[in-house]
Amino acid sequence: MSNVEMCKEALNGLVKETHHKNVLKYILNNGSITSFESFEKLKNTRLSASIYVLRYTYNLPIGMEMCTSENGKRYGRYYIEKGETNDNR
């Protein structure tokens, strides 16, 4: 099962509309998310907390890369890691 398929399966298992469910949906639909996008689009001011829940509660392969803006500020961009999972769910 690919990592994206595993994340879609986990999304289907989340019943309540929560910040971490909305973050996962956003990543699946847009490829990645930053804290600015999280606040602007989802009204979520605690993206790192949502990512923590996705990684450690649902065991999802969420990666992060550091980026630098045009004015030199650094920020993280979260995404679903490419590849396959060995998880037999």
C-alpha atoms as a PDB file:
ATOM      1  CA  MET A   1       0.000   0.000   0.000  1.00  0.00           C
ATOM      2  CA  SER A   2       1.399   3.416  -0.884  1.00  0.00           C
ATOM      3  CA  ASN A   3       1.799   6.092   1.769  1.00  0.00           C
ATOM      4  CA  VAL A   4      -0.866   8.221   0.075  1.00  0.00           C
ATOM      5  CA  GLU A   5      -3.321   5.307   0.071  1.00  0.00           C
ATOM      6  CA  MET A   6      -2.583   4.691   3.744  1.00  0.00           C
ATOM      7  CA  CYS A   7      -3.297   8.364   4.530  1.00  0.00           C
ATOM      8  CA  LYS A   8      -6.553   8.273   2.568  1.00  0.00           C
ATOM      9  CA  GLU A   9      -7.584   5.165   4.497  1.00  0.00           C
ATOM     10  CA  ALA A  10      -6.799   6.895   7.788  1.00  0.00           C
ATOM     11  CA  LEU A  11      -8.793   9.958   6.679  1.00  0.00           C
ATOM     12  CA  ASN A  12     -11.835   7.772   6.051  1.00  0.00           C
ATOM     13  CA  GLY A  13     -11.519   6.415   9.587  1.00  0.00           C
ATOM     14  CA  LEU A  14     -11.604   9.884  11.172  1.00  0.00           C
ATOM     15  CA  VAL A  15     -15.239  10.632  11.974  1.00  0.00           C
ATOM     16  CA  LYS A  16     -15.206  14.061  13.641  1.00  0.00           C
ATOM     17  CA  GLU A  17     -14.124  17.209  11.819  1.00  0.00           C
ATOM     18  CA  THR A  18     -10.952  18.052  13.722  1.00  0.00           C
ATOM     19  CA  HIS A  19      -7.942  20.221  12.971  1.00  0.00           C
ATOM     20  CA  HIS A  20      -5.794  17.182  12.236  1.00  0.00           C
ATOM     21  CA  LYS A  21      -8.429  15.720   9.887  1.00  0.00           C
ATOM     22  CA  ASN A  22      -8.636  19.049   8.024  1.00  0.00           C
ATOM     23  CA  VAL A  23      -4.827  19.233   7.821  1.00  0.00           C
ATOM     24  CA  LEU A  24      -4.643  15.704   6.377  1.00  0.00           C
ATOM     25  CA  LYS A  25      -7.360  16.522   3.821  1.00  0.00           C
ATOM     26  CA  TYR A  26      -5.499  19.692   2.829  1.00  0.00           C
ATOM     27  CA  ILE A  27      -2.207  17.831   2.361  1.00  0.00           C
ATOM     28  CA  LEU A  28      -3.890  15.103   0.290  1.00  0.00           C
ATOM     29  CA  ASN A  29      -5.616  17.685  -1.935  1.00  0.00           C
ATOM     30  CA  ASN A  30      -2.726  20.164  -2.262  1.00  0.00           C
ATOM     31  CA  GLY A  31       0.428  18.100  -1.770  1.00  0.00           C
ATOM     32  CA  SER A  32       1.753  20.015   1.249  1.00  0.00           C
ATOM     33  CA  ILE A  33       0.942  22.632   3.882  1.00  0.00           C
ATOM     34  CA  THR A  34       2.757  25.435   5.712  1.00  0.00           C
ATOM     35  CA  SER A  35       1.795  27.123   8.971  1.00  0.00           C
ATOM     36  CA  PHE A  36       0.693  30.215   7.023  1.00  0.00           C
ATOM     37  CA  GLU A  37      -1.600  28.121   4.799  1.00  0.00           C
ATOM     38  CA  SER A  38      -2.906  26.299   7.856  1.00  0.00           C
ATOM     39  CA  PHE A  39      -3.882  29.570   9.510  1.00  0.00           C
ATOM     40  CA  GLU A  40      -5.160  31.280   6.364  1.00  0.00           C
ATOM     41  CA  LYS A  41      -7.150  28.379   4.864  1.00  0.00           C
ATOM     42  CA  LEU A  42      -8.047  26.226   7.892  1.00  0.00           C
ATOM     43  CA  LYS A  43      -7.967  28.743  10.779  1.00  0.00           C
ATOM     44  CA  ASN A  44      -5.594  26.335  12.532  1.00  0.00           C
ATOM     45  CA  THR A  45      -2.968  28.182  14.571  1.00  0.00           C
ATOM     46  CA  ARG A  46      -1.303  24.987  15.844  1.00  0.00           C
ATOM     47  CA  LEU A  47      -0.206  23.113  12.731  1.00  0.00           C
ATOM     48  CA  SER A  48       2.701  21.411  14.489  1.00  0.00           C
ATOM     49  CA  ALA A  49       0.303  19.928  17.078  1.00  0.00           C
ATOM     50  CA  SER A  50      -1.904  18.545  14.290  1.00  0.00           C
ATOM     51  CA  ILE A  51       1.140  17.084  12.527  1.00  0.00           C
ATOM     52  CA  TYR A  52       2.248  15.489  15.821  1.00  0.00           C
ATOM     53  CA  VAL A  53      -1.159  13.776  16.184  1.00  0.00           C
ATOM     54  CA  LEU A  54      -1.048  12.532  12.577  1.00  0.00           C
ATOM     55  CA  ARG A  55       2.493  11.182  12.980  1.00  0.00           C
ATOM     56  CA  TYR A  56       2.314   9.613  16.430  1.00  0.00           C
ATOM     57  CA  THR A  57      -1.344   8.773  17.025  1.00  0.00           C
ATOM     58  CA  TYR A  58      -2.201   7.602  13.497  1.00  0.00           C
ATOM     59  CA  ASN A  59       1.376   6.617  12.527  1.00  0.00           C
ATOM     60  CA  LEU A  60       1.206   8.494   9.218  1.00  0.00           C
ATOM     61  CA  PRO A  61       4.376   9.220   7.206  1.00  0.00           C
ATOM     62  CA  ILE A  62       4.326  13.026   7.327  1.00  0.00           C
ATOM     63  CA  GLY A  63       7.633  14.606   6.337  1.00  0.00           C
ATOM     64  CA  MET A  64       8.887  18.182   6.664  1.00  0.00           C
ATOM     65  CA  GLU A  65      11.305  20.272   4.654  1.00  0.00           C
ATOM     66  CA  MET A  66      12.689  23.639   5.668  1.00  0.00           C
ATOM     67  CA  CYS A  67      12.121  26.412   3.122  1.00  0.00           C
ATOM     68  CA  THR A  68      13.334  30.000   2.908  1.00  0.00           C
ATOM     69  CA  SER A  69      11.060  32.839   1.786  1.00  0.00           C
ATOM     70  CA  GLU A  70      12.123  35.656  -0.518  1.00  0.00           C
ATOM     71  CA  ASN A  71      12.811  37.871   2.511  1.00  0.00           C
ATOM     72  CA  GLY A  72      15.047  35.240   4.150  1.00  0.00           C
ATOM     73  CA  LYS A  73      12.567  33.860   6.710  1.00  0.00           C
ATOM     74  CA  ARG A  74      12.612  30.082   7.236  1.00  0.00           C
ATOM     75  CA  TYR A  75       9.502  27.949   7.551  1.00  0.00           C
ATOM     76  CA  GLY A  76       8.508  24.293   7.406  1.00  0.00           C
ATOM     77  CA  ARG A  77       6.484  22.644   4.649  1.00  0.00           C
ATOM     78  CA  TYR A  78       4.776  19.363   5.634  1.00  0.00           C
ATOM     79  CA  TYR A  79       3.975  16.648   3.081  1.00  0.00           C
ATOM     80  CA  ILE A  80       3.232  12.929   2.794  1.00  0.00           C
ATOM     81  CA  GLU A  81       6.476  11.036   2.304  1.00  0.00           C
ATOM     82  CA  LYS A  82       6.772   9.164  -0.974  1.00  0.00           C
ATOM     83  CA  GLY A  83       7.027   5.415  -1.062  1.00  0.00           C
ATOM     84  CA  GLU A  84       5.370   2.316   0.221  1.00  0.00           C
ATOM     85  CA  THR A  85       4.539   1.294   3.746  1.00  0.00           C
ATOM     86  CA  ASN A  86       5.163  -2.119   5.250  1.00  0.00           C
ATOM     87  CA  ASP A  87       2.207  -1.705   7.583  1.00  0.00           C
ATOM     88  CA  ASN A  88      -0.307  -4.551   7.245  1.00  0.00           C
ATOM     89  CA  ARG A  89      -3.506  -2.768   8.232  1.00  0.00           C
END
